[in-house]
Structure formats: structure tokens, C-alpha cells
Amino acid sequence: MKSLRASFILILGLTLTLVGCSESQDKVIKIGATVGPHAQVAEAVAKQAKAEGIAVEVVEFSDYISPNAGLADGSLDLNSYQHQPFLDNYNQNNGSQLVSMGRSILMRMGIYSDRVEHVDALPNGAQIAIPNDPTNAGRALLLLQEAGLITLADSVGFKATLQDIIANPKQLEFVEVEAAQLPRSLQDVDAAAITMNYVMSSGLSPSEQGIFLESKNAPLAVMVVAAREEDKDNPDLQRLVALFQSQQTRDFLEKTFKGTIEPAF
């Protein structure tokens, strides 16, 4: 009787162990990404993960709030589509505790021109188009300052406006344009500050028409892979972040995006 009971307990234990292993192996890790380059990169990572026996599902979104909301409520395990300031702002406004697990890709704003090949060649009184929305306008002004074209008041950061320009030695004239129309504006102005998503959609070339790009450490240029804080030490998620930063991903970026989307690692 004792022998039968012991055998039953042993079999039950083995069964539970096998079930637990099966559930672990069958778990699908869900990564949220916005439609376009972010989803393309996530799919490339999913293929690498599959080769390592890690099941990944990429969930695509067409807005910038749902991927963080899904991560916070547990319907996603990771997301990859945003920079750190956006993530910080989401946490602040929603009381969530989402954290960066590491860098993924660079999407740099740049100064583009069809008339000159370097910022130093911009003539006095040149017309420069910048985005007309507050966030990207401030980013553009910081970029112009980084390029040595203007000086802004101290500590204005990404909230900079045209009124914060305290030095403009070339007497540049600024034209505020809807962000999506900036590539088209190049035929009418000497240069324009354009975010990478509109560079890509318009077919501009950073190597041929880009005369100055944000640094590779610019906070709004560096995209991150995010997770819930309690999952930051999860080995499976850490492995996926490593795949976002692999040589295979680097090669995919170079082949697919040809300089518009760069590795941030």
C-alpha cells in the first residue's frame, strides 16, 4: 500500500513537472511595436528568437499610447517603439512603472538641403524650415544649436521656441511648416529640419541630402525596448533584448534601411 502511494506521488510529481516545463516552453512572448520600421525590426528579432526556440509574437499598433498601455496591463511582455523621454512621460502621466531594458534603433532628426552640402555653406539670411508642432520645433532648434547655427537661452531644452534664440549670427529666417510637409519644402527653402520618419516616407537620403544629423546619443533619437519593472531581470526577455542588439540585427538594419534607421547599440 505504501509502495503504491509512493509510486502515485512520484508519478504525480513527474506529471506536474512535465506540465510546468510544457507551459514554460509553450509560452509566447508578445512584443508590441508600431507599424513600420519598429515592427519590421521586431519581426527580424522574432525570427532570430525562433531559431533559439523562443516563441515571439509581434503585435502591431497604429498609435503611440496602446503599446505602453498593453505593456502596463500585462497583455504585452515587451515593446519597442519609443524613446526614453516618451516612456518617462507615459509613466508620469499614468502611474505606471515601465523601464527601458536597452537600446534598439536610432531615428535621428537631421538638417537636409538640396542647395548646400554642409551647414557652414548656408548663406546669410538663409531660410530654414522647422516643424510647427511644439515638441519637434524644440527638437529642431536644439539641432540647429548643435550644428552651431544658433544659440538658445539656457535650460530651455525641448521646450525651446523661436523666442528663445539669443544669437543668430547668420540672420537665418525660420519658416514653420507642418512636419509631414517638410521634405516637400526643400524646393522652396535653403534647408529643413526633418524627423527620420518623414525622411523615410519621402525617399530623402541622409547620406546625400543630410547636411547635419543629431548625435547618436540624442535622447529623442535613441529608441528603447521597454518592459514592466518587475520583469526587467527575466532571462527570456533579457535574451530578446540581446537579439535586438545582435550583429544579425545590425546587418538587417543596414540591408533594409540603408542608413535611415541605424543601430543604437
C-alpha atoms as a PDB file:
ATOM      1  CA  MET A   1       0.000   0.000   0.000  1.00  0.00           C
ATOM      2  CA  LYS A   2       2.809   2.348   0.960  1.00  0.00           C
ATOM      3  CA  SER A   3       4.603   1.365  -2.246  1.00  0.00           C
ATOM      4  CA  LEU A   4       1.544   2.212  -4.356  1.00  0.00           C
ATOM      5  CA  ARG A   5       1.119   5.542  -2.571  1.00  0.00           C
ATOM      6  CA  ALA A   6       4.794   6.394  -3.087  1.00  0.00           C
ATOM      7  CA  SER A   7       4.518   5.482  -6.772  1.00  0.00           C
ATOM      8  CA  PHE A   8       1.419   7.650  -7.135  1.00  0.00           C
ATOM      9  CA  ILE A   9       3.160  10.627  -5.517  1.00  0.00           C
ATOM     10  CA  LEU A  10       6.205  10.118  -7.743  1.00  0.00           C
ATOM     11  CA  ILE A  11       4.073   9.921 -10.886  1.00  0.00           C
ATOM     12  CA  LEU A  12       2.073  12.985  -9.822  1.00  0.00           C
ATOM     13  CA  GLY A  13       5.258  14.924  -9.179  1.00  0.00           C
ATOM     14  CA  LEU A  14       6.698  13.980 -12.546  1.00  0.00           C
ATOM     15  CA  THR A  15       3.425  14.917 -14.242  1.00  0.00           C
ATOM     16  CA  LEU A  16       3.351  18.345 -12.617  1.00  0.00           C
ATOM     17  CA  THR A  17       6.993  18.885 -13.550  1.00  0.00           C
ATOM     18  CA  LEU A  18       6.330  17.968 -17.171  1.00  0.00           C
ATOM     19  CA  VAL A  19       3.255  20.199 -17.299  1.00  0.00           C
ATOM     20  CA  GLY A  20       5.250  23.065 -15.854  1.00  0.00           C
ATOM     21  CA  CYS A  21       8.016  22.559 -18.415  1.00  0.00           C
ATOM     22  CA  SER A  22       5.473  22.333 -21.225  1.00  0.00           C
ATOM     23  CA  GLU A  23       3.770  25.551 -20.146  1.00  0.00           C
ATOM     24  CA  SER A  24       7.136  27.312 -19.992  1.00  0.00           C
ATOM     25  CA  GLN A  25       8.112  26.035 -23.433  1.00  0.00           C
ATOM     26  CA  ASP A  26       4.729  26.906 -24.920  1.00  0.00           C
ATOM     27  CA  LYS A  27       4.701  30.490 -23.621  1.00  0.00           C
ATOM     28  CA  VAL A  28       4.638  33.060 -26.383  1.00  0.00           C
ATOM     29  CA  ILE A  29       6.385  36.338 -25.628  1.00  0.00           C
ATOM     30  CA  LYS A  30       4.451  39.266 -27.069  1.00  0.00           C
ATOM     31  CA  ILE A  31       6.288  42.341 -28.318  1.00  0.00           C
ATOM     32  CA  GLY A  32       4.324  45.482 -29.146  1.00  0.00           C
ATOM     33  CA  ALA A  33       5.575  47.739 -31.950  1.00  0.00           C
ATOM     34  CA  THR A  34       4.161  50.484 -34.125  1.00  0.00           C
ATOM     35  CA  VAL A  35       3.554  49.775 -37.796  1.00  0.00           C
ATOM     36  CA  GLY A  36       6.615  50.411 -39.937  1.00  0.00           C
ATOM     37  CA  PRO A  37      10.302  50.186 -39.031  1.00  0.00           C
ATOM     38  CA  HIS A  38       9.720  49.267 -35.386  1.00  0.00           C
ATOM     39  CA  ALA A  39       7.525  46.303 -36.348  1.00  0.00           C
ATOM     40  CA  GLN A  40       9.973  45.268 -39.084  1.00  0.00           C
ATOM     41  CA  VAL A  41      12.842  45.173 -36.601  1.00  0.00           C
ATOM     42  CA  ALA A  42      10.736  43.287 -34.051  1.00  0.00           C
ATOM     43  CA  GLU A  43       9.846  40.696 -36.702  1.00  0.00           C
ATOM     44  CA  ALA A  44      13.530  40.262 -37.523  1.00  0.00           C
ATOM     45  CA  VAL A  45      14.205  39.686 -33.823  1.00  0.00           C
ATOM     46  CA  ALA A  46      11.315  37.197 -33.649  1.00  0.00           C
ATOM     47  CA  LYS A  47      12.933  35.154 -36.430  1.00  0.00           C
ATOM     48  CA  GLN A  48      16.210  35.042 -34.525  1.00  0.00           C
ATOM     49  CA  ALA A  49      14.359  34.042 -31.362  1.00  0.00           C
ATOM     50  CA  LYS A  50      12.538  31.223 -33.166  1.00  0.00           C
ATOM     51  CA  ALA A  51      15.881  29.755 -34.187  1.00  0.00           C
ATOM     52  CA  GLU A  52      16.749  29.644 -30.483  1.00  0.00           C
ATOM     53  CA  GLY A  53      13.458  28.008 -29.519  1.00  0.00           C
ATOM     54  CA  ILE A  54      11.867  31.195 -28.149  1.00  0.00           C
ATOM     55  CA  ALA A  55       8.333  31.825 -29.417  1.00  0.00           C
ATOM     56  CA  VAL A  56       7.644  35.504 -30.120  1.00  0.00           C
ATOM     57  CA  GLU A  57       4.535  37.227 -31.433  1.00  0.00           C
ATOM     58  CA  VAL A  58       4.820  40.783 -32.733  1.00  0.00           C
ATOM     59  CA  VAL A  59       1.669  42.821 -32.080  1.00  0.00           C
ATOM     60  CA  GLU A  60       1.414  45.900 -34.318  1.00  0.00           C
ATOM     61  CA  PHE A  61      -0.174  49.205 -33.319  1.00  0.00           C
ATOM     62  CA  SER A  62      -1.053  52.343 -35.241  1.00  0.00           C
ATOM     63  CA  ASP A  63      -0.952  54.715 -32.248  1.00  0.00           C
ATOM     64  CA  TYR A  64       1.638  55.639 -29.619  1.00  0.00           C
ATOM     65  CA  ILE A  65      -0.352  55.007 -26.427  1.00  0.00           C
ATOM     66  CA  SER A  66      -1.646  51.443 -26.816  1.00  0.00           C
ATOM     67  CA  PRO A  67       1.786  49.725 -26.797  1.00  0.00           C
ATOM     68  CA  ASN A  68       2.541  51.169 -23.352  1.00  0.00           C
ATOM     69  CA  ALA A  69      -0.987  50.542 -22.088  1.00  0.00           C
ATOM     70  CA  GLY A  70      -0.730  46.913 -23.221  1.00  0.00           C
ATOM     71  CA  LEU A  71       2.637  46.528 -21.553  1.00  0.00           C
ATOM     72  CA  ALA A  72       1.355  48.009 -18.299  1.00  0.00           C
ATOM     73  CA  ASP A  73      -1.742  45.772 -18.164  1.00  0.00           C
ATOM     74  CA  GLY A  74       0.219  42.600 -18.949  1.00  0.00           C
ATOM     75  CA  SER A  75      -1.127  41.858 -22.410  1.00  0.00           C
ATOM     76  CA  LEU A  76       2.371  42.538 -23.792  1.00  0.00           C
ATOM     77  CA  ASP A  77       5.736  41.423 -22.424  1.00  0.00           C
ATOM     78  CA  LEU A  78       7.910  43.985 -24.207  1.00  0.00           C
ATOM     79  CA  ASN A  79       7.503  46.885 -26.570  1.00  0.00           C
ATOM     80  CA  SER A  80       9.870  48.626 -28.925  1.00  0.00           C
ATOM     81  CA  TYR A  81       8.803  51.927 -30.470  1.00  0.00           C
ATOM     82  CA  GLN A  82       9.654  54.885 -28.225  1.00  0.00           C
ATOM     83  CA  HIS A  83      12.460  56.998 -26.803  1.00  0.00           C
ATOM     84  CA  GLN A  84      13.199  57.393 -23.105  1.00  0.00           C
ATOM     85  CA  PRO A  85      11.572  60.844 -22.665  1.00  0.00           C
ATOM     86  CA  PHE A  86       8.297  59.479 -24.098  1.00  0.00           C
ATOM     87  CA  LEU A  87       8.485  56.477 -21.767  1.00  0.00           C
ATOM     88  CA  ASP A  88       9.181  58.717 -18.759  1.00  0.00           C
ATOM     89  CA  ASN A  89       6.275  60.976 -19.674  1.00  0.00           C
ATOM     90  CA  TYR A  90       3.924  57.990 -20.008  1.00  0.00           C
ATOM     91  CA  ASN A  91       4.933  56.695 -16.576  1.00  0.00           C
ATOM     92  CA  GLN A  92       4.436  60.115 -15.030  1.00  0.00           C
ATOM     93  CA  ASN A  93       1.000  60.599 -16.533  1.00  0.00           C
ATOM     94  CA  ASN A  94      -0.282  57.073 -15.924  1.00  0.00           C
ATOM     95  CA  GLY A  95       1.351  55.986 -12.694  1.00  0.00           C
ATOM     96  CA  SER A  96       2.966  53.016 -14.444  1.00  0.00           C
ATOM     97  CA  GLN A  97       6.377  51.505 -13.812  1.00  0.00           C
ATOM     98  CA  LEU A  98       7.745  50.693 -17.235  1.00  0.00           C
ATOM     99  CA  VAL A  99      11.506  50.612 -17.700  1.00  0.00           C
ATOM    100  CA  SER A 100      13.997  50.509 -20.524  1.00  0.00           C
ATOM    101  CA  MET A 101      15.731  47.163 -20.995  1.00  0.00           C
ATOM    102  CA  GLY A 102      18.197  48.592 -23.514  1.00  0.00           C
ATOM    103  CA  ARG A 103      18.644  50.496 -26.755  1.00  0.00           C
ATOM    104  CA  SER A 104      17.297  49.313 -30.086  1.00  0.00           C
ATOM    105  CA  ILE A 105      17.452  51.679 -33.082  1.00  0.00           C
ATOM    106  CA  LEU A 106      18.334  55.269 -33.897  1.00  0.00           C
ATOM    107  CA  MET A 107      15.862  57.566 -35.661  1.00  0.00           C
ATOM    108  CA  ARG A 108      17.777  60.820 -35.944  1.00  0.00           C
ATOM    109  CA  MET A 109      16.374  64.187 -36.894  1.00  0.00           C
ATOM    110  CA  GLY A 110      18.564  65.915 -39.433  1.00  0.00           C
ATOM    111  CA  ILE A 111      19.067  69.123 -41.352  1.00  0.00           C
ATOM    112  CA  TYR A 112      18.508  68.430 -45.045  1.00  0.00           C
ATOM    113  CA  SER A 113      19.187  70.555 -48.089  1.00  0.00           C
ATOM    114  CA  ASP A 114      19.060  70.373 -51.878  1.00  0.00           C
ATOM    115  CA  ARG A 115      21.138  73.555 -52.160  1.00  0.00           C
ATOM    116  CA  VAL A 116      24.207  73.159 -49.956  1.00  0.00           C
ATOM    117  CA  GLU A 117      26.335  70.218 -48.865  1.00  0.00           C
ATOM    118  CA  HIS A 118      27.278  71.411 -45.373  1.00  0.00           C
ATOM    119  CA  VAL A 119      25.754  73.636 -42.708  1.00  0.00           C
ATOM    120  CA  ASP A 120      28.736  76.003 -42.952  1.00  0.00           C
ATOM    121  CA  ALA A 121      27.760  76.694 -46.560  1.00  0.00           C
ATOM    122  CA  LEU A 122      24.342  78.099 -45.639  1.00  0.00           C
ATOM    123  CA  PRO A 123      24.335  81.759 -46.707  1.00  0.00           C
ATOM    124  CA  ASN A 124      23.466  84.719 -44.518  1.00  0.00           C
ATOM    125  CA  GLY A 125      19.704  85.150 -44.412  1.00  0.00           C
ATOM    126  CA  ALA A 126      19.074  81.531 -45.441  1.00  0.00           C
ATOM    127  CA  GLN A 127      15.551  80.218 -44.986  1.00  0.00           C
ATOM    128  CA  ILE A 128      15.320  77.226 -42.663  1.00  0.00           C
ATOM    129  CA  ALA A 129      12.087  75.244 -42.362  1.00  0.00           C
ATOM    130  CA  ILE A 130      11.285  73.691 -38.982  1.00  0.00           C
ATOM    131  CA  PRO A 131       8.273  71.678 -37.733  1.00  0.00           C
ATOM    132  CA  ASN A 132       5.346  73.733 -36.491  1.00  0.00           C
ATOM    133  CA  ASP A 133       4.408  71.431 -33.590  1.00  0.00           C
ATOM    134  CA  PRO A 134       5.947  72.362 -30.196  1.00  0.00           C
ATOM    135  CA  THR A 135       7.812  69.125 -29.474  1.00  0.00           C
ATOM    136  CA  ASN A 136       9.527  68.776 -32.839  1.00  0.00           C
ATOM    137  CA  ALA A 137      10.095  72.530 -33.143  1.00  0.00           C
ATOM    138  CA  GLY A 138      12.052  72.485 -29.887  1.00  0.00           C
ATOM    139  CA  ARG A 139      13.976  69.450 -31.069  1.00  0.00           C
ATOM    140  CA  ALA A 140      14.787  71.210 -34.360  1.00  0.00           C
ATOM    141  CA  LEU A 141      16.051  74.316 -32.581  1.00  0.00           C
ATOM    142  CA  LEU A 142      18.305  72.204 -30.368  1.00  0.00           C
ATOM    143  CA  LEU A 143      19.603  70.512 -33.521  1.00  0.00           C
ATOM    144  CA  LEU A 144      20.333  73.881 -35.124  1.00  0.00           C
ATOM    145  CA  GLN A 145      22.167  74.898 -31.960  1.00  0.00           C
ATOM    146  CA  GLU A 146      24.169  71.654 -32.033  1.00  0.00           C
ATOM    147  CA  ALA A 147      25.097  72.478 -35.626  1.00  0.00           C
ATOM    148  CA  GLY A 148      26.468  75.847 -34.460  1.00  0.00           C
ATOM    149  CA  LEU A 149      23.895  77.913 -36.334  1.00  0.00           C
ATOM    150  CA  ILE A 150      22.075  79.486 -33.381  1.00  0.00           C
ATOM    151  CA  THR A 151      22.335  79.839 -29.607  1.00  0.00           C
ATOM    152  CA  LEU A 152      19.370  79.241 -27.317  1.00  0.00           C
ATOM    153  CA  ALA A 153      18.674  80.559 -23.851  1.00  0.00           C
ATOM    154  CA  ASP A 154      19.987  78.348 -21.073  1.00  0.00           C
ATOM    155  CA  SER A 155      17.935  75.372 -19.878  1.00  0.00           C
ATOM    156  CA  VAL A 156      15.055  75.676 -22.366  1.00  0.00           C
ATOM    157  CA  GLY A 157      15.625  72.126 -23.616  1.00  0.00           C
ATOM    158  CA  PHE A 158      12.996  70.575 -25.870  1.00  0.00           C
ATOM    159  CA  LYS A 159      10.558  73.343 -24.956  1.00  0.00           C
ATOM    160  CA  ALA A 160      12.608  75.831 -26.949  1.00  0.00           C
ATOM    161  CA  THR A 161      10.745  78.262 -29.194  1.00  0.00           C
ATOM    162  CA  LEU A 162      11.887  80.847 -31.710  1.00  0.00           C
ATOM    163  CA  GLN A 163      11.665  83.419 -28.917  1.00  0.00           C
ATOM    164  CA  ASP A 164      14.418  81.534 -27.053  1.00  0.00           C
ATOM    165  CA  ILE A 165      17.024  82.219 -29.757  1.00  0.00           C
ATOM    166  CA  ILE A 166      19.563  84.622 -28.246  1.00  0.00           C
ATOM    167  CA  ALA A 167      22.144  84.502 -31.060  1.00  0.00           C
ATOM    168  CA  ASN A 168      21.600  84.053 -34.786  1.00  0.00           C
ATOM    169  CA  PRO A 169      24.868  85.175 -36.427  1.00  0.00           C
ATOM    170  CA  LYS A 170      23.779  84.319 -39.979  1.00  0.00           C
ATOM    171  CA  GLN A 171      20.419  86.023 -39.509  1.00  0.00           C
ATOM    172  CA  LEU A 172      18.665  82.854 -40.539  1.00  0.00           C
ATOM    173  CA  GLU A 173      14.971  83.134 -41.368  1.00  0.00           C
ATOM    174  CA  PHE A 174      12.781  80.385 -39.912  1.00  0.00           C
ATOM    175  CA  VAL A 175       9.695  79.049 -41.662  1.00  0.00           C
ATOM    176  CA  GLU A 176       7.333  76.908 -39.580  1.00  0.00           C
ATOM    177  CA  VAL A 177       5.868  74.052 -41.630  1.00  0.00           C
ATOM    178  CA  GLU A 178       3.713  71.014 -40.837  1.00  0.00           C
ATOM    179  CA  ALA A 179       6.151  68.177 -40.170  1.00  0.00           C
ATOM    180  CA  ALA A 180       4.835  65.928 -42.945  1.00  0.00           C
ATOM    181  CA  GLN A 181       5.345  68.723 -45.497  1.00  0.00           C
ATOM    182  CA  LEU A 182       8.966  69.465 -44.602  1.00  0.00           C
ATOM    183  CA  PRO A 183      10.544  67.205 -47.269  1.00  0.00           C
ATOM    184  CA  ARG A 184       8.476  68.931 -49.952  1.00  0.00           C
ATOM    185  CA  SER A 185       9.550  72.335 -48.601  1.00  0.00           C
ATOM    186  CA  LEU A 186      13.161  71.700 -49.659  1.00  0.00           C
ATOM    187  CA  GLN A 187      12.392  73.074 -53.109  1.00  0.00           C
ATOM    188  CA  ASP A 188      11.488  76.431 -51.533  1.00  0.00           C
ATOM    189  CA  VAL A 189      13.959  76.831 -48.652  1.00  0.00           C
ATOM    190  CA  ASP A 190      17.699  76.511 -48.158  1.00  0.00           C
ATOM    191  CA  ALA A 191      17.396  73.735 -45.574  1.00  0.00           C
ATOM    192  CA  ALA A 192      14.866  71.982 -43.331  1.00  0.00           C
ATOM    193  CA  ALA A 193      14.996  70.106 -40.023  1.00  0.00           C
ATOM    194  CA  ILE A 194      13.172  66.808 -40.651  1.00  0.00           C
ATOM    195  CA  THR A 195      12.435  63.809 -38.445  1.00  0.00           C
ATOM    196  CA  MET A 196      13.517  60.422 -39.753  1.00  0.00           C
ATOM    197  CA  ASN A 197      10.011  59.017 -40.273  1.00  0.00           C
ATOM    198  CA  TYR A 198       9.304  61.720 -42.866  1.00  0.00           C
ATOM    199  CA  VAL A 199      12.769  61.352 -44.360  1.00  0.00           C
ATOM    200  CA  MET A 200      11.962  57.691 -44.997  1.00  0.00           C
ATOM    201  CA  SER A 201       8.442  58.209 -46.332  1.00  0.00           C
ATOM    202  CA  SER A 202       9.634  60.886 -48.757  1.00  0.00           C
ATOM    203  CA  GLY A 203      12.667  58.997 -50.028  1.00  0.00           C
ATOM    204  CA  LEU A 204      15.257  61.527 -48.878  1.00  0.00           C
ATOM    205  CA  SER A 205      18.806  60.267 -48.390  1.00  0.00           C
ATOM    206  CA  PRO A 206      20.651  61.073 -45.140  1.00  0.00           C
ATOM    207  CA  SER A 207      23.985  60.458 -46.891  1.00  0.00           C
ATOM    208  CA  GLU A 208      23.222  62.642 -49.926  1.00  0.00           C
ATOM    209  CA  GLN A 209      20.902  65.374 -48.634  1.00  0.00           C
ATOM    210  CA  GLY A 210      21.573  65.273 -44.907  1.00  0.00           C
ATOM    211  CA  ILE A 211      23.973  68.088 -44.020  1.00  0.00           C
ATOM    212  CA  PHE A 212      23.845  67.588 -40.245  1.00  0.00           C
ATOM    213  CA  LEU A 213      22.341  64.831 -38.081  1.00  0.00           C
ATOM    214  CA  GLU A 214      21.526  64.590 -34.380  1.00  0.00           C
ATOM    215  CA  SER A 215      24.193  62.933 -32.291  1.00  0.00           C
ATOM    216  CA  LYS A 216      23.859  59.209 -31.704  1.00  0.00           C
ATOM    217  CA  ASN A 217      23.128  59.924 -28.035  1.00  0.00           C
ATOM    218  CA  ALA A 218      20.382  62.500 -28.588  1.00  0.00           C
ATOM    219  CA  PRO A 219      17.572  61.495 -26.175  1.00  0.00           C
ATOM    220  CA  LEU A 220      14.820  61.736 -28.797  1.00  0.00           C
ATOM    221  CA  ALA A 221      16.813  59.789 -31.379  1.00  0.00           C
ATOM    222  CA  VAL A 222      17.506  56.664 -29.305  1.00  0.00           C
ATOM    223  CA  MET A 223      14.675  54.127 -29.244  1.00  0.00           C
ATOM    224  CA  VAL A 224      14.453  51.656 -26.357  1.00  0.00           C
ATOM    225  CA  VAL A 225      12.995  48.231 -25.609  1.00  0.00           C
ATOM    226  CA  ALA A 226      10.659  48.549 -22.611  1.00  0.00           C
ATOM    227  CA  ALA A 227       9.302  46.089 -20.050  1.00  0.00           C
ATOM    228  CA  ARG A 228       7.478  46.176 -16.733  1.00  0.00           C
ATOM    229  CA  GLU A 229       9.865  46.899 -13.884  1.00  0.00           C
ATOM    230  CA  GLU A 230       9.132  43.573 -12.198  1.00  0.00           C
ATOM    231  CA  ASP A 231      10.199  41.734 -15.370  1.00  0.00           C
ATOM    232  CA  LYS A 232      13.492  43.524 -16.005  1.00  0.00           C
ATOM    233  CA  ASP A 233      15.521  40.538 -14.741  1.00  0.00           C
ATOM    234  CA  ASN A 234      13.537  37.931 -16.694  1.00  0.00           C
ATOM    235  CA  PRO A 235      16.193  35.911 -18.583  1.00  0.00           C
ATOM    236  CA  ASP A 236      13.968  35.287 -21.631  1.00  0.00           C
ATOM    237  CA  LEU A 237      13.264  38.993 -22.008  1.00  0.00           C
ATOM    238  CA  GLN A 238      16.926  39.834 -21.487  1.00  0.00           C
ATOM    239  CA  ARG A 239      17.779  37.377 -24.246  1.00  0.00           C
ATOM    240  CA  LEU A 240      15.357  39.098 -26.611  1.00  0.00           C
ATOM    241  CA  VAL A 241      16.930  42.471 -25.849  1.00  0.00           C
ATOM    242  CA  ALA A 242      20.291  40.909 -26.682  1.00  0.00           C
ATOM    243  CA  LEU A 243      18.827  39.839 -30.032  1.00  0.00           C
ATOM    244  CA  PHE A 244      17.654  43.420 -30.665  1.00  0.00           C
ATOM    245  CA  GLN A 245      21.345  44.307 -30.281  1.00  0.00           C
ATOM    246  CA  SER A 246      22.855  41.396 -32.195  1.00  0.00           C
ATOM    247  CA  GLN A 247      25.120  41.512 -35.222  1.00  0.00           C
ATOM    248  CA  GLN A 248      22.333  39.859 -37.196  1.00  0.00           C
ATOM    249  CA  THR A 249      20.024  42.763 -36.332  1.00  0.00           C
ATOM    250  CA  ARG A 250      22.757  45.242 -37.242  1.00  0.00           C
ATOM    251  CA  ASP A 251      23.109  43.561 -40.643  1.00  0.00           C
ATOM    252  CA  PHE A 252      19.321  43.600 -41.111  1.00  0.00           C
ATOM    253  CA  LEU A 253      19.193  47.345 -40.421  1.00  0.00           C
ATOM    254  CA  GLU A 254      21.967  48.103 -42.872  1.00  0.00           C
ATOM    255  CA  LYS A 255      20.470  45.953 -45.625  1.00  0.00           C
ATOM    256  CA  THR A 256      16.852  47.041 -45.115  1.00  0.00           C
ATOM    257  CA  PHE A 257      17.073  50.735 -44.292  1.00  0.00           C
ATOM    258  CA  LYS A 258      20.336  51.782 -45.959  1.00  0.00           C
ATOM    259  CA  GLY A 259      21.296  54.461 -43.443  1.00  0.00           C
ATOM    260  CA  THR A 260      17.902  55.848 -42.474  1.00  0.00           C
ATOM    261  CA  ILE A 261      17.445  53.551 -39.476  1.00  0.00           C
ATOM    262  CA  GLU A 262      20.682  52.850 -37.606  1.00  0.00           C
ATOM    263  CA  PRO A 263      21.632  50.632 -34.674  1.00  0.00           C
ATOM    264  CA  ALA A 264      21.574  52.444 -31.328  1.00  0.00           C
ATOM    265  CA  PHE A 265      23.825  49.864 -29.708  1.00  0.00           C
END
